[in-house]
């Protein structure tokens, strides 16, 4: 077995399993254990463990087994709020629709951080934990990376629109931009469950 090819496959496979299922998933655990225990000379013997973990993960994703009950409840609750935002938007109330959609997005970012074991609080000057700002959570999630740089930039734009609405800068965005925000946030929540 070509050592460079085997190493590349194992690194990519382990990264994929961790990114999709989390750092402590059952999918990557046997492969990680094999990689720890094997002498580097025999590293290619871990390839079947990585391949098996990837195959099991692919089957779990295809069968919908990675979605937890908690994620289903979050999706249902956030979905209801997004429907309310859609109703407000249809009735011509772009400003409260933007604030509500942004609130759903911020709540979801918090849930994604918890899911990926990223901090959601930051100590103030006296050491008292305070909720982390949405853009800081977005930066953390992009750095890990839980989602792509493109998603991170989209989240930044949506949070900016929400802040404009929440602070009364109503003439700095349009009804159509709020409509696109609502569509984008809805799609983002579907692609990144928490």
N, C-alpha and C. Protein backbone atom coordinates (compact mmCIF):
# COMPACT_ATOMS: atom_id res chain seq x y z
N UNK A 1 0.85 -1.18 0.00
CA UNK A 1 0.00 0.00 0.00
C UNK A 1 0.89 1.24 0.00
N UNK A 2 0.56 2.18 -0.87
CA UNK A 2 1.28 3.44 -0.93
C UNK A 2 1.04 4.21 0.37
N UNK A 3 2.11 4.46 1.13
CA UNK A 3 1.98 5.09 2.45
C UNK A 3 1.37 6.48 2.35
N UNK A 4 1.79 7.26 1.36
CA UNK A 4 1.25 8.62 1.21
C UNK A 4 -0.24 8.58 0.90
N UNK A 5 -0.64 7.68 0.02
CA UNK A 5 -2.05 7.54 -0.33
C UNK A 5 -2.87 7.08 0.88
N UNK A 6 -2.34 6.10 1.62
CA UNK A 6 -3.03 5.61 2.81
C UNK A 6 -3.17 6.70 3.86
N UNK A 7 -2.11 7.47 4.07
CA UNK A 7 -2.15 8.57 5.06
C UNK A 7 -3.17 9.62 4.66
N UNK A 8 -3.19 9.94 3.37
CA UNK A 8 -4.15 10.93 2.88
C UNK A 8 -5.59 10.45 3.08
N UNK A 9 -5.84 9.18 2.76
CA UNK A 9 -7.18 8.61 2.93
C UNK A 9 -7.59 8.63 4.40
N UNK A 10 -6.67 8.23 5.28
CA UNK A 10 -7.01 8.17 6.71
C UNK A 10 -7.26 9.56 7.29
N UNK A 11 -6.43 10.53 6.91
CA UNK A 11 -6.63 11.89 7.42
C UNK A 11 -7.96 12.46 6.94
N UNK A 12 -8.22 12.29 5.65
CA UNK A 12 -9.49 12.79 5.11
C UNK A 12 -10.69 12.06 5.69
N UNK A 13 -10.57 10.75 5.85
CA UNK A 13 -11.67 9.95 6.41
C UNK A 13 -11.97 10.33 7.85
N UNK A 14 -10.92 10.47 8.65
CA UNK A 14 -11.11 10.85 10.06
C UNK A 14 -11.72 12.25 10.16
N UNK A 15 -11.23 13.17 9.34
CA UNK A 15 -11.77 14.55 9.36
C UNK A 15 -13.24 14.55 8.96
N UNK A 16 -13.59 13.76 7.97
CA UNK A 16 -14.99 13.68 7.52
C UNK A 16 -15.88 13.13 8.63
N UNK A 17 -15.45 12.04 9.26
CA UNK A 17 -16.27 11.45 10.33
C UNK A 17 -16.44 12.42 11.48
N UNK A 18 -15.39 13.14 11.84
CA UNK A 18 -15.49 14.10 12.95
C UNK A 18 -16.36 15.29 12.59
N UNK A 19 -16.23 15.76 11.36
CA UNK A 19 -17.01 16.92 10.94
C UNK A 19 -18.49 16.60 10.86
N UNK A 20 -18.82 15.43 10.36
CA UNK A 20 -20.23 15.07 10.16
C UNK A 20 -20.87 14.58 11.45
N UNK A 21 -20.17 13.72 12.19
CA UNK A 21 -20.78 13.07 13.35
C UNK A 21 -20.29 13.59 14.69
N UNK A 22 -19.28 14.44 14.69
CA UNK A 22 -18.76 14.96 15.95
C UNK A 22 -17.47 14.25 16.36
N UNK A 23 -16.73 14.93 17.23
CA UNK A 23 -15.41 14.43 17.65
C UNK A 23 -15.47 13.12 18.41
N UNK A 24 -16.55 12.85 19.11
CA UNK A 24 -16.62 11.67 19.97
C UNK A 24 -17.59 10.62 19.43
N UNK A 25 -17.79 10.60 18.13
CA UNK A 25 -18.78 9.68 17.57
C UNK A 25 -18.30 8.24 17.57
N UNK A 26 -19.25 7.34 17.54
CA UNK A 26 -18.95 5.91 17.45
C UNK A 26 -18.35 5.56 16.09
N UNK A 27 -18.58 6.39 15.10
CA UNK A 27 -18.09 6.10 13.76
C UNK A 27 -16.57 6.16 13.69
N UNK A 28 -15.98 7.15 14.35
CA UNK A 28 -14.52 7.33 14.25
C UNK A 28 -13.75 6.67 15.39
N UNK A 29 -14.43 6.26 16.44
CA UNK A 29 -13.73 5.73 17.62
C UNK A 29 -12.86 4.50 17.32
N UNK A 30 -13.35 3.46 16.61
CA UNK A 30 -12.48 2.31 16.33
C UNK A 30 -11.25 2.68 15.49
N UNK A 31 -11.44 3.56 14.52
CA UNK A 31 -10.32 3.98 13.68
C UNK A 31 -9.31 4.78 14.50
N UNK A 32 -9.81 5.66 15.35
CA UNK A 32 -8.91 6.46 16.19
C UNK A 32 -8.10 5.57 17.13
N UNK A 33 -8.77 4.57 17.68
CA UNK A 33 -8.08 3.64 18.58
C UNK A 33 -7.00 2.87 17.81
N UNK A 34 -7.32 2.41 16.60
CA UNK A 34 -6.35 1.68 15.79
C UNK A 34 -5.15 2.57 15.45
N UNK A 35 -5.42 3.82 15.11
CA UNK A 35 -4.33 4.75 14.78
C UNK A 35 -3.43 5.02 15.98
N UNK A 36 -4.01 5.07 17.17
CA UNK A 36 -3.21 5.30 18.38
C UNK A 36 -2.34 4.09 18.73
N UNK A 37 -2.87 2.90 18.52
CA UNK A 37 -2.20 1.69 18.96
C UNK A 37 -1.18 1.15 17.96
N UNK A 38 -1.35 1.48 16.69
CA UNK A 38 -0.46 0.92 15.67
C UNK A 38 0.88 1.63 15.62
N UNK A 39 1.90 0.87 15.38
CA UNK A 39 3.22 1.41 15.12
C UNK A 39 3.15 2.18 13.80
N UNK A 40 3.75 3.37 13.68
CA UNK A 40 3.68 4.15 12.44
C UNK A 40 4.10 3.37 11.19
N UNK A 41 4.96 2.38 11.36
CA UNK A 41 5.39 1.58 10.22
C UNK A 41 4.22 0.79 9.63
N UNK A 42 3.28 0.39 10.48
CA UNK A 42 2.15 -0.41 10.04
C UNK A 42 0.85 0.41 9.98
N UNK A 43 0.98 1.71 9.80
CA UNK A 43 -0.16 2.61 9.80
C UNK A 43 -1.22 2.23 8.76
N UNK A 44 -0.79 1.68 7.64
CA UNK A 44 -1.75 1.34 6.58
C UNK A 44 -2.74 0.27 7.04
N UNK A 45 -2.43 -0.45 8.12
CA UNK A 45 -3.36 -1.45 8.63
C UNK A 45 -4.62 -0.82 9.23
N UNK A 46 -4.59 0.48 9.45
CA UNK A 46 -5.76 1.18 9.98
C UNK A 46 -6.75 1.55 8.88
N UNK A 47 -6.35 1.42 7.62
CA UNK A 47 -7.23 1.79 6.50
C UNK A 47 -8.60 1.11 6.58
N UNK A 48 -8.67 -0.22 6.85
CA UNK A 48 -10.00 -0.84 6.93
C UNK A 48 -10.88 -0.27 8.04
N UNK A 49 -10.27 0.18 9.14
CA UNK A 49 -11.05 0.78 10.23
C UNK A 49 -11.66 2.11 9.79
N UNK A 50 -10.85 2.91 9.09
CA UNK A 50 -11.34 4.20 8.60
C UNK A 50 -12.42 3.96 7.53
N UNK A 51 -12.16 3.04 6.62
CA UNK A 51 -13.14 2.74 5.57
C UNK A 51 -14.45 2.22 6.17
N UNK A 52 -14.35 1.37 7.19
CA UNK A 52 -15.55 0.86 7.85
C UNK A 52 -16.34 1.96 8.53
N UNK A 53 -15.63 2.86 9.20
CA UNK A 53 -16.30 3.99 9.85
C UNK A 53 -17.00 4.88 8.84
N UNK A 54 -16.33 5.15 7.71
CA UNK A 54 -16.94 5.97 6.66
C UNK A 54 -18.17 5.29 6.06
N UNK A 55 -18.08 3.99 5.82
CA UNK A 55 -19.21 3.26 5.26
C UNK A 55 -20.40 3.30 6.22
N UNK A 56 -20.15 3.07 7.51
CA UNK A 56 -21.22 3.10 8.51
C UNK A 56 -21.83 4.50 8.60
N UNK A 57 -21.00 5.52 8.54
CA UNK A 57 -21.48 6.90 8.59
C UNK A 57 -22.34 7.21 7.37
N UNK A 58 -21.89 6.80 6.19
CA UNK A 58 -22.67 7.03 4.97
C UNK A 58 -24.05 6.37 5.08
N UNK A 59 -24.09 5.16 5.59
CA UNK A 59 -25.37 4.45 5.74
C UNK A 59 -26.27 5.15 6.77
N UNK A 60 -25.68 5.64 7.86
CA UNK A 60 -26.46 6.34 8.88
C UNK A 60 -27.04 7.64 8.34
N UNK A 61 -26.23 8.37 7.57
CA UNK A 61 -26.72 9.62 6.98
C UNK A 61 -27.85 9.32 6.00
N UNK A 62 -27.65 8.33 5.14
CA UNK A 62 -28.67 7.97 4.14
C UNK A 62 -29.97 7.52 4.79
N UNK A 63 -29.88 6.89 5.95
CA UNK A 63 -31.07 6.39 6.65
C UNK A 63 -31.69 7.43 7.58
N UNK A 64 -31.03 8.59 7.73
CA UNK A 64 -31.56 9.64 8.60
C UNK A 64 -31.32 9.40 10.07
N UNK A 65 -30.37 8.53 10.42
CA UNK A 65 -30.13 8.20 11.82
C UNK A 65 -29.34 9.25 12.60
N UNK A 66 -28.75 10.20 11.92
CA UNK A 66 -27.95 11.20 12.63
C UNK A 66 -28.78 12.34 13.19
N UNK A 67 -30.03 12.40 12.85
CA UNK A 67 -30.90 13.45 13.37
C UNK A 67 -31.48 12.98 14.70
N UNK A 68 -31.18 13.69 15.76
CA UNK A 68 -31.65 13.30 17.09
C UNK A 68 -33.03 13.88 17.36
N UNK A 69 -33.68 13.37 18.38
CA UNK A 69 -34.98 13.90 18.79
C UNK A 69 -34.85 15.38 19.15
N UNK A 70 -33.78 15.72 19.84
CA UNK A 70 -33.55 17.12 20.21
C UNK A 70 -33.48 18.00 18.96
N UNK A 71 -32.79 17.53 17.93
CA UNK A 71 -32.69 18.30 16.69
C UNK A 71 -34.06 18.45 16.03
N UNK A 72 -34.87 17.41 16.08
CA UNK A 72 -36.21 17.49 15.51
C UNK A 72 -37.07 18.51 16.24
N UNK A 73 -36.97 18.55 17.57
CA UNK A 73 -37.73 19.52 18.37
C UNK A 73 -37.27 20.94 18.04
N UNK A 74 -35.94 21.16 17.99
CA UNK A 74 -35.43 22.48 17.65
C UNK A 74 -35.93 22.91 16.28
N UNK A 75 -35.87 22.00 15.32
CA UNK A 75 -36.31 22.32 13.96
C UNK A 75 -37.79 22.71 13.95
N UNK A 76 -38.59 22.00 14.73
CA UNK A 76 -40.03 22.28 14.79
C UNK A 76 -40.30 23.67 15.38
N UNK A 77 -39.64 23.97 16.50
CA UNK A 77 -39.84 25.26 17.17
C UNK A 77 -39.35 26.40 16.29
N UNK A 78 -38.11 26.28 15.77
CA UNK A 78 -37.58 27.33 14.93
C UNK A 78 -38.39 27.47 13.65
N UNK A 79 -38.89 26.33 13.12
CA UNK A 79 -39.73 26.37 11.93
C UNK A 79 -41.00 27.17 12.16
N UNK A 80 -41.61 27.02 13.36
CA UNK A 80 -42.80 27.80 13.69
C UNK A 80 -42.51 29.29 13.71
N UNK A 81 -41.38 29.68 14.30
CA UNK A 81 -41.01 31.10 14.33
C UNK A 81 -40.74 31.63 12.93
N UNK A 82 -40.12 30.82 12.08
CA UNK A 82 -39.85 31.26 10.72
C UNK A 82 -41.15 31.39 9.92
N UNK A 83 -42.13 30.54 10.21
CA UNK A 83 -43.45 30.68 9.57
C UNK A 83 -44.10 31.99 9.99
N UNK A 84 -43.97 32.34 11.28
CA UNK A 84 -44.51 33.62 11.76
C UNK A 84 -43.82 34.78 11.05
N UNK A 85 -42.49 34.68 10.88
CA UNK A 85 -41.76 35.73 10.19
C UNK A 85 -42.24 35.84 8.74
N UNK A 86 -42.49 34.70 8.11
CA UNK A 86 -43.01 34.69 6.74
C UNK A 86 -44.38 35.36 6.65
N UNK A 87 -45.22 35.08 7.63
CA UNK A 87 -46.55 35.70 7.67
C UNK A 87 -46.42 37.22 7.82
N UNK A 88 -45.57 37.65 8.74
CA UNK A 88 -45.36 39.09 8.94
C UNK A 88 -44.87 39.75 7.64
N UNK A 89 -43.96 39.08 6.97
CA UNK A 89 -43.41 39.61 5.73
C UNK A 89 -44.49 39.72 4.66
N UNK A 90 -45.32 38.68 4.54
CA UNK A 90 -46.42 38.70 3.56
C UNK A 90 -47.40 39.85 3.84
N UNK A 91 -47.57 40.18 5.11
CA UNK A 91 -48.49 41.26 5.49
C UNK A 91 -47.84 42.64 5.38
N UNK A 92 -46.59 42.68 4.96
CA UNK A 92 -45.91 43.96 4.75
C UNK A 92 -45.09 44.45 5.93
N UNK A 93 -44.88 43.62 6.93
CA UNK A 93 -44.13 44.02 8.12
C UNK A 93 -42.71 43.47 8.04
N UNK A 94 -41.90 44.11 7.19
CA UNK A 94 -40.55 43.61 6.96
C UNK A 94 -39.67 43.74 8.20
N UNK A 95 -39.86 44.77 9.00
CA UNK A 95 -38.97 45.02 10.13
C UNK A 95 -39.11 43.96 11.23
N UNK A 96 -40.33 43.67 11.73
CA UNK A 96 -40.42 42.61 12.72
C UNK A 96 -40.07 41.24 12.14
N UNK A 97 -40.32 41.04 10.84
CA UNK A 97 -39.94 39.77 10.21
C UNK A 97 -38.43 39.59 10.24
N UNK A 98 -37.68 40.68 10.00
CA UNK A 98 -36.22 40.62 10.03
C UNK A 98 -35.71 40.34 11.44
N UNK A 99 -36.31 40.99 12.43
CA UNK A 99 -35.89 40.78 13.82
C UNK A 99 -36.17 39.36 14.26
N UNK A 100 -37.35 38.85 13.94
CA UNK A 100 -37.72 37.49 14.32
C UNK A 100 -36.83 36.46 13.64
N UNK A 101 -36.58 36.63 12.35
CA UNK A 101 -35.71 35.71 11.61
C UNK A 101 -34.29 35.73 12.19
N UNK A 102 -33.80 36.91 12.50
CA UNK A 102 -32.47 37.03 13.10
C UNK A 102 -32.40 36.41 14.48
N UNK A 103 -33.47 36.52 15.24
CA UNK A 103 -33.51 35.88 16.56
C UNK A 103 -33.46 34.37 16.46
N UNK A 104 -34.17 33.82 15.47
CA UNK A 104 -34.12 32.37 15.24
C UNK A 104 -32.70 31.97 14.87
N UNK A 105 -32.07 32.74 13.98
CA UNK A 105 -30.70 32.44 13.56
C UNK A 105 -29.75 32.45 14.75
N UNK A 106 -29.84 33.47 15.60
CA UNK A 106 -28.95 33.54 16.76
C UNK A 106 -29.18 32.36 17.70
N UNK A 107 -30.43 32.02 17.96
CA UNK A 107 -30.72 30.87 18.80
C UNK A 107 -30.16 29.59 18.22
N UNK A 108 -30.25 29.46 16.90
CA UNK A 108 -29.73 28.25 16.24
C UNK A 108 -28.21 28.21 16.30
N UNK A 109 -27.55 29.35 16.14
CA UNK A 109 -26.09 29.38 16.26
C UNK A 109 -25.66 28.90 17.65
N UNK A 110 -26.40 29.32 18.66
CA UNK A 110 -26.11 28.89 20.04
C UNK A 110 -26.23 27.37 20.15
N UNK A 111 -27.28 26.80 19.56
CA UNK A 111 -27.49 25.34 19.60
C UNK A 111 -26.38 24.61 18.85
N UNK A 112 -25.96 25.15 17.72
CA UNK A 112 -24.88 24.51 16.95
C UNK A 112 -23.58 24.54 17.77
N UNK A 113 -23.32 25.65 18.45
CA UNK A 113 -22.12 25.74 19.30
C UNK A 113 -22.15 24.67 20.38
N UNK A 114 -23.28 24.51 21.04
CA UNK A 114 -23.41 23.49 22.08
C UNK A 114 -23.17 22.11 21.49
N UNK A 115 -23.76 21.85 20.34
CA UNK A 115 -23.61 20.55 19.68
C UNK A 115 -22.15 20.24 19.38
N UNK A 116 -21.38 21.25 19.01
CA UNK A 116 -19.98 21.07 18.64
C UNK A 116 -19.01 21.45 19.76
N UNK A 117 -19.56 21.56 20.97
CA UNK A 117 -18.76 21.80 22.18
C UNK A 117 -17.92 23.08 22.10
N UNK A 118 -18.54 24.14 21.56
CA UNK A 118 -17.91 25.45 21.53
C UNK A 118 -18.58 26.33 22.59
N UNK A 119 -17.81 27.20 23.25
CA UNK A 119 -18.40 28.02 24.32
C UNK A 119 -19.45 28.99 23.80
N UNK A 120 -20.51 29.16 24.60
CA UNK A 120 -21.57 30.10 24.25
C UNK A 120 -21.60 31.29 25.20
N UNK A 121 -20.71 31.28 26.17
CA UNK A 121 -20.57 32.39 27.11
C UNK A 121 -19.13 32.87 27.09
N UNK A 122 -18.95 34.11 27.48
CA UNK A 122 -17.61 34.69 27.60
C UNK A 122 -17.59 35.51 28.89
N UNK A 123 -16.51 35.41 29.68
CA UNK A 123 -16.48 36.16 30.94
C UNK A 123 -16.30 37.67 30.69
N UNK A 124 -17.03 38.47 31.48
CA UNK A 124 -16.85 39.91 31.38
C UNK A 124 -15.63 40.32 32.21
N UNK A 125 -15.43 41.61 32.42
CA UNK A 125 -14.25 42.11 33.13
C UNK A 125 -14.14 41.59 34.56
N UNK A 126 -15.31 41.26 35.15
CA UNK A 126 -15.30 40.76 36.53
C UNK A 126 -15.31 39.23 36.58
N UNK A 127 -15.26 38.60 35.40
CA UNK A 127 -15.25 37.15 35.35
C UNK A 127 -16.63 36.51 35.33
N UNK A 128 -17.66 37.34 35.23
CA UNK A 128 -19.04 36.83 35.19
C UNK A 128 -19.35 36.38 33.76
N UNK A 129 -19.82 35.15 33.58
CA UNK A 129 -20.13 34.69 32.22
C UNK A 129 -21.30 35.46 31.61
N UNK A 130 -21.11 35.92 30.38
CA UNK A 130 -22.14 36.63 29.62
C UNK A 130 -22.34 35.90 28.30
N UNK A 131 -23.56 35.92 27.76
CA UNK A 131 -23.78 35.26 26.47
C UNK A 131 -22.88 35.85 25.39
N UNK A 132 -22.29 34.98 24.61
CA UNK A 132 -21.42 35.39 23.52
C UNK A 132 -22.27 36.02 22.42
N UNK A 133 -21.75 37.03 21.77
CA UNK A 133 -22.46 37.69 20.67
C UNK A 133 -22.57 36.72 19.49
N UNK A 134 -23.63 36.89 18.73
CA UNK A 134 -23.92 35.99 17.62
C UNK A 134 -22.77 35.95 16.61
N UNK A 135 -22.18 37.10 16.31
CA UNK A 135 -21.10 37.11 15.33
C UNK A 135 -19.86 36.39 15.85
N UNK A 136 -19.62 36.44 17.16
CA UNK A 136 -18.50 35.68 17.74
C UNK A 136 -18.73 34.18 17.62
N UNK A 137 -19.98 33.75 17.86
CA UNK A 137 -20.29 32.33 17.69
C UNK A 137 -20.12 31.94 16.22
N UNK A 138 -20.57 32.79 15.31
CA UNK A 138 -20.42 32.53 13.89
C UNK A 138 -18.95 32.37 13.52
N UNK A 139 -18.09 33.25 14.05
CA UNK A 139 -16.65 33.15 13.78
C UNK A 139 -16.09 31.83 14.31
N UNK A 140 -16.50 31.45 15.52
CA UNK A 140 -16.03 30.18 16.10
C UNK A 140 -16.45 29.00 15.24
N UNK A 141 -17.70 29.02 14.79
CA UNK A 141 -18.23 27.91 13.98
C UNK A 141 -17.55 27.85 12.61
N UNK A 142 -17.21 28.99 12.06
CA UNK A 142 -16.49 29.02 10.79
C UNK A 142 -15.05 28.57 10.93
N UNK A 143 -14.44 28.88 12.07
CA UNK A 143 -13.05 28.51 12.32
C UNK A 143 -12.89 27.01 12.55
N UNK A 144 -13.88 26.37 13.15
CA UNK A 144 -13.73 24.95 13.56
C UNK A 144 -13.40 24.03 12.39
N UNK A 145 -13.84 23.95 11.24
CA UNK A 145 -15.01 24.59 10.66
C UNK A 145 -16.23 23.66 10.73
N UNK A 146 -17.32 24.20 11.26
CA UNK A 146 -18.59 23.47 11.28
C UNK A 146 -19.30 23.67 9.96
N UNK A 147 -19.11 24.86 9.37
CA UNK A 147 -19.68 25.14 8.06
C UNK A 147 -18.70 25.97 7.25
N UNK A 148 -19.02 26.14 5.97
CA UNK A 148 -18.10 26.77 5.02
C UNK A 148 -17.96 28.27 5.26
N UNK A 149 -16.92 28.84 4.66
CA UNK A 149 -16.71 30.30 4.72
C UNK A 149 -17.88 31.03 4.05
N UNK A 150 -18.43 30.43 3.00
CA UNK A 150 -19.58 31.06 2.33
C UNK A 150 -20.77 31.14 3.28
N UNK A 151 -21.05 30.05 4.01
CA UNK A 151 -22.12 30.08 5.01
C UNK A 151 -21.81 31.11 6.09
N UNK A 152 -20.56 31.17 6.52
CA UNK A 152 -20.18 32.13 7.56
C UNK A 152 -20.44 33.57 7.10
N UNK A 153 -20.09 33.88 5.86
CA UNK A 153 -20.33 35.22 5.33
C UNK A 153 -21.82 35.52 5.21
N UNK A 154 -22.59 34.51 4.82
CA UNK A 154 -24.04 34.70 4.74
C UNK A 154 -24.63 35.00 6.11
N UNK A 155 -24.19 34.24 7.12
CA UNK A 155 -24.67 34.46 8.49
C UNK A 155 -24.31 35.88 8.94
N UNK A 156 -23.11 36.33 8.62
CA UNK A 156 -22.70 37.69 8.99
C UNK A 156 -23.65 38.72 8.37
N UNK A 157 -23.99 38.53 7.09
CA UNK A 157 -24.90 39.47 6.42
C UNK A 157 -26.29 39.44 7.05
N UNK A 158 -26.80 38.25 7.36
CA UNK A 158 -28.12 38.13 7.98
C UNK A 158 -28.14 38.79 9.36
N UNK A 159 -27.07 38.59 10.12
CA UNK A 159 -27.01 39.20 11.45
C UNK A 159 -26.95 40.72 11.34
N UNK A 160 -26.26 41.23 10.32
CA UNK A 160 -26.20 42.67 10.10
C UNK A 160 -27.58 43.23 9.77
N UNK A 161 -28.32 42.51 8.92
CA UNK A 161 -29.67 42.95 8.57
C UNK A 161 -30.56 42.95 9.82
N UNK A 162 -30.46 41.90 10.62
CA UNK A 162 -31.25 41.82 11.86
C UNK A 162 -30.91 42.99 12.78
N UNK A 163 -29.63 43.33 12.91
CA UNK A 163 -29.23 44.45 13.77
C UNK A 163 -29.78 45.78 13.25
N UNK A 164 -29.77 45.95 11.94
CA UNK A 164 -30.35 47.18 11.37
C UNK A 164 -31.83 47.28 11.73
N UNK A 165 -32.55 46.17 11.63
CA UNK A 165 -33.99 46.17 11.96
C UNK A 165 -34.21 46.41 13.44
N UNK A 166 -33.40 45.78 14.28
CA UNK A 166 -33.58 45.89 15.73
C UNK A 166 -33.24 47.28 16.25
N UNK A 167 -32.40 48.01 15.51
CA UNK A 167 -31.98 49.34 15.96
C UNK A 167 -32.62 50.48 15.17
N UNK A 168 -33.69 50.16 14.43
CA UNK A 168 -34.47 51.20 13.79
C UNK A 168 -33.91 51.78 12.51
N UNK A 169 -32.97 51.10 11.88
CA UNK A 169 -32.41 51.58 10.61
C UNK A 169 -33.20 50.95 9.45
N UNK A 170 -34.48 51.24 9.42
CA UNK A 170 -35.41 50.57 8.52
C UNK A 170 -35.20 50.90 7.05
N UNK A 171 -34.60 52.05 6.77
CA UNK A 171 -34.40 52.44 5.37
C UNK A 171 -33.11 51.87 4.78
N UNK A 172 -32.35 51.10 5.57
CA UNK A 172 -31.08 50.56 5.09
C UNK A 172 -31.21 49.16 4.49
N UNK A 173 -32.42 48.63 4.39
CA UNK A 173 -32.66 47.32 3.78
C UNK A 173 -34.07 47.31 3.21
N UNK A 174 -34.31 46.37 2.32
CA UNK A 174 -35.59 46.32 1.62
C UNK A 174 -36.39 45.08 2.01
N UNK A 175 -37.64 45.10 1.61
CA UNK A 175 -38.54 43.96 1.80
C UNK A 175 -37.94 42.72 1.13
N UNK A 176 -37.41 42.91 -0.08
CA UNK A 176 -36.83 41.79 -0.83
C UNK A 176 -35.62 41.20 -0.10
N UNK A 177 -34.80 42.05 0.52
CA UNK A 177 -33.64 41.55 1.27
C UNK A 177 -34.08 40.71 2.48
N UNK A 178 -35.15 41.12 3.13
CA UNK A 178 -35.67 40.34 4.26
C UNK A 178 -36.22 39.01 3.74
N UNK A 179 -36.87 39.05 2.59
CA UNK A 179 -37.39 37.81 1.99
C UNK A 179 -36.25 36.84 1.69
N UNK A 180 -35.15 37.35 1.13
CA UNK A 180 -33.99 36.52 0.85
C UNK A 180 -33.35 36.01 2.14
N UNK A 181 -33.32 36.85 3.15
CA UNK A 181 -32.80 36.44 4.46
C UNK A 181 -33.60 35.28 5.02
N UNK A 182 -34.91 35.40 4.98
CA UNK A 182 -35.79 34.35 5.49
C UNK A 182 -35.56 33.04 4.74
N UNK A 183 -35.45 33.11 3.43
CA UNK A 183 -35.18 31.91 2.63
C UNK A 183 -33.82 31.32 2.98
N UNK A 184 -32.83 32.18 3.10
CA UNK A 184 -31.47 31.73 3.40
C UNK A 184 -31.36 31.10 4.78
N UNK A 185 -31.96 31.73 5.78
CA UNK A 185 -31.91 31.20 7.15
C UNK A 185 -32.65 29.86 7.21
N UNK A 186 -33.78 29.77 6.54
CA UNK A 186 -34.53 28.51 6.52
C UNK A 186 -33.68 27.39 5.93
N UNK A 187 -33.01 27.67 4.83
CA UNK A 187 -32.13 26.68 4.20
C UNK A 187 -30.94 26.35 5.11
N UNK A 188 -30.36 27.35 5.74
CA UNK A 188 -29.21 27.16 6.63
C UNK A 188 -29.59 26.23 7.78
N UNK A 189 -30.73 26.44 8.40
CA UNK A 189 -31.18 25.59 9.51
C UNK A 189 -31.39 24.15 9.05
N UNK A 190 -31.90 24.00 7.85
CA UNK A 190 -32.12 22.64 7.32
C UNK A 190 -30.79 21.92 7.08
N UNK A 191 -29.79 22.65 6.57
CA UNK A 191 -28.51 22.03 6.26
C UNK A 191 -27.61 21.84 7.48
N UNK A 192 -27.85 22.61 8.54
CA UNK A 192 -27.01 22.54 9.74
C UNK A 192 -27.89 22.35 10.98
N UNK A 193 -28.43 21.14 11.17
CA UNK A 193 -29.30 20.90 12.33
C UNK A 193 -28.54 21.00 13.63
N UNK A 194 -29.28 21.33 14.68
CA UNK A 194 -28.64 21.41 16.01
C UNK A 194 -29.59 20.89 17.06
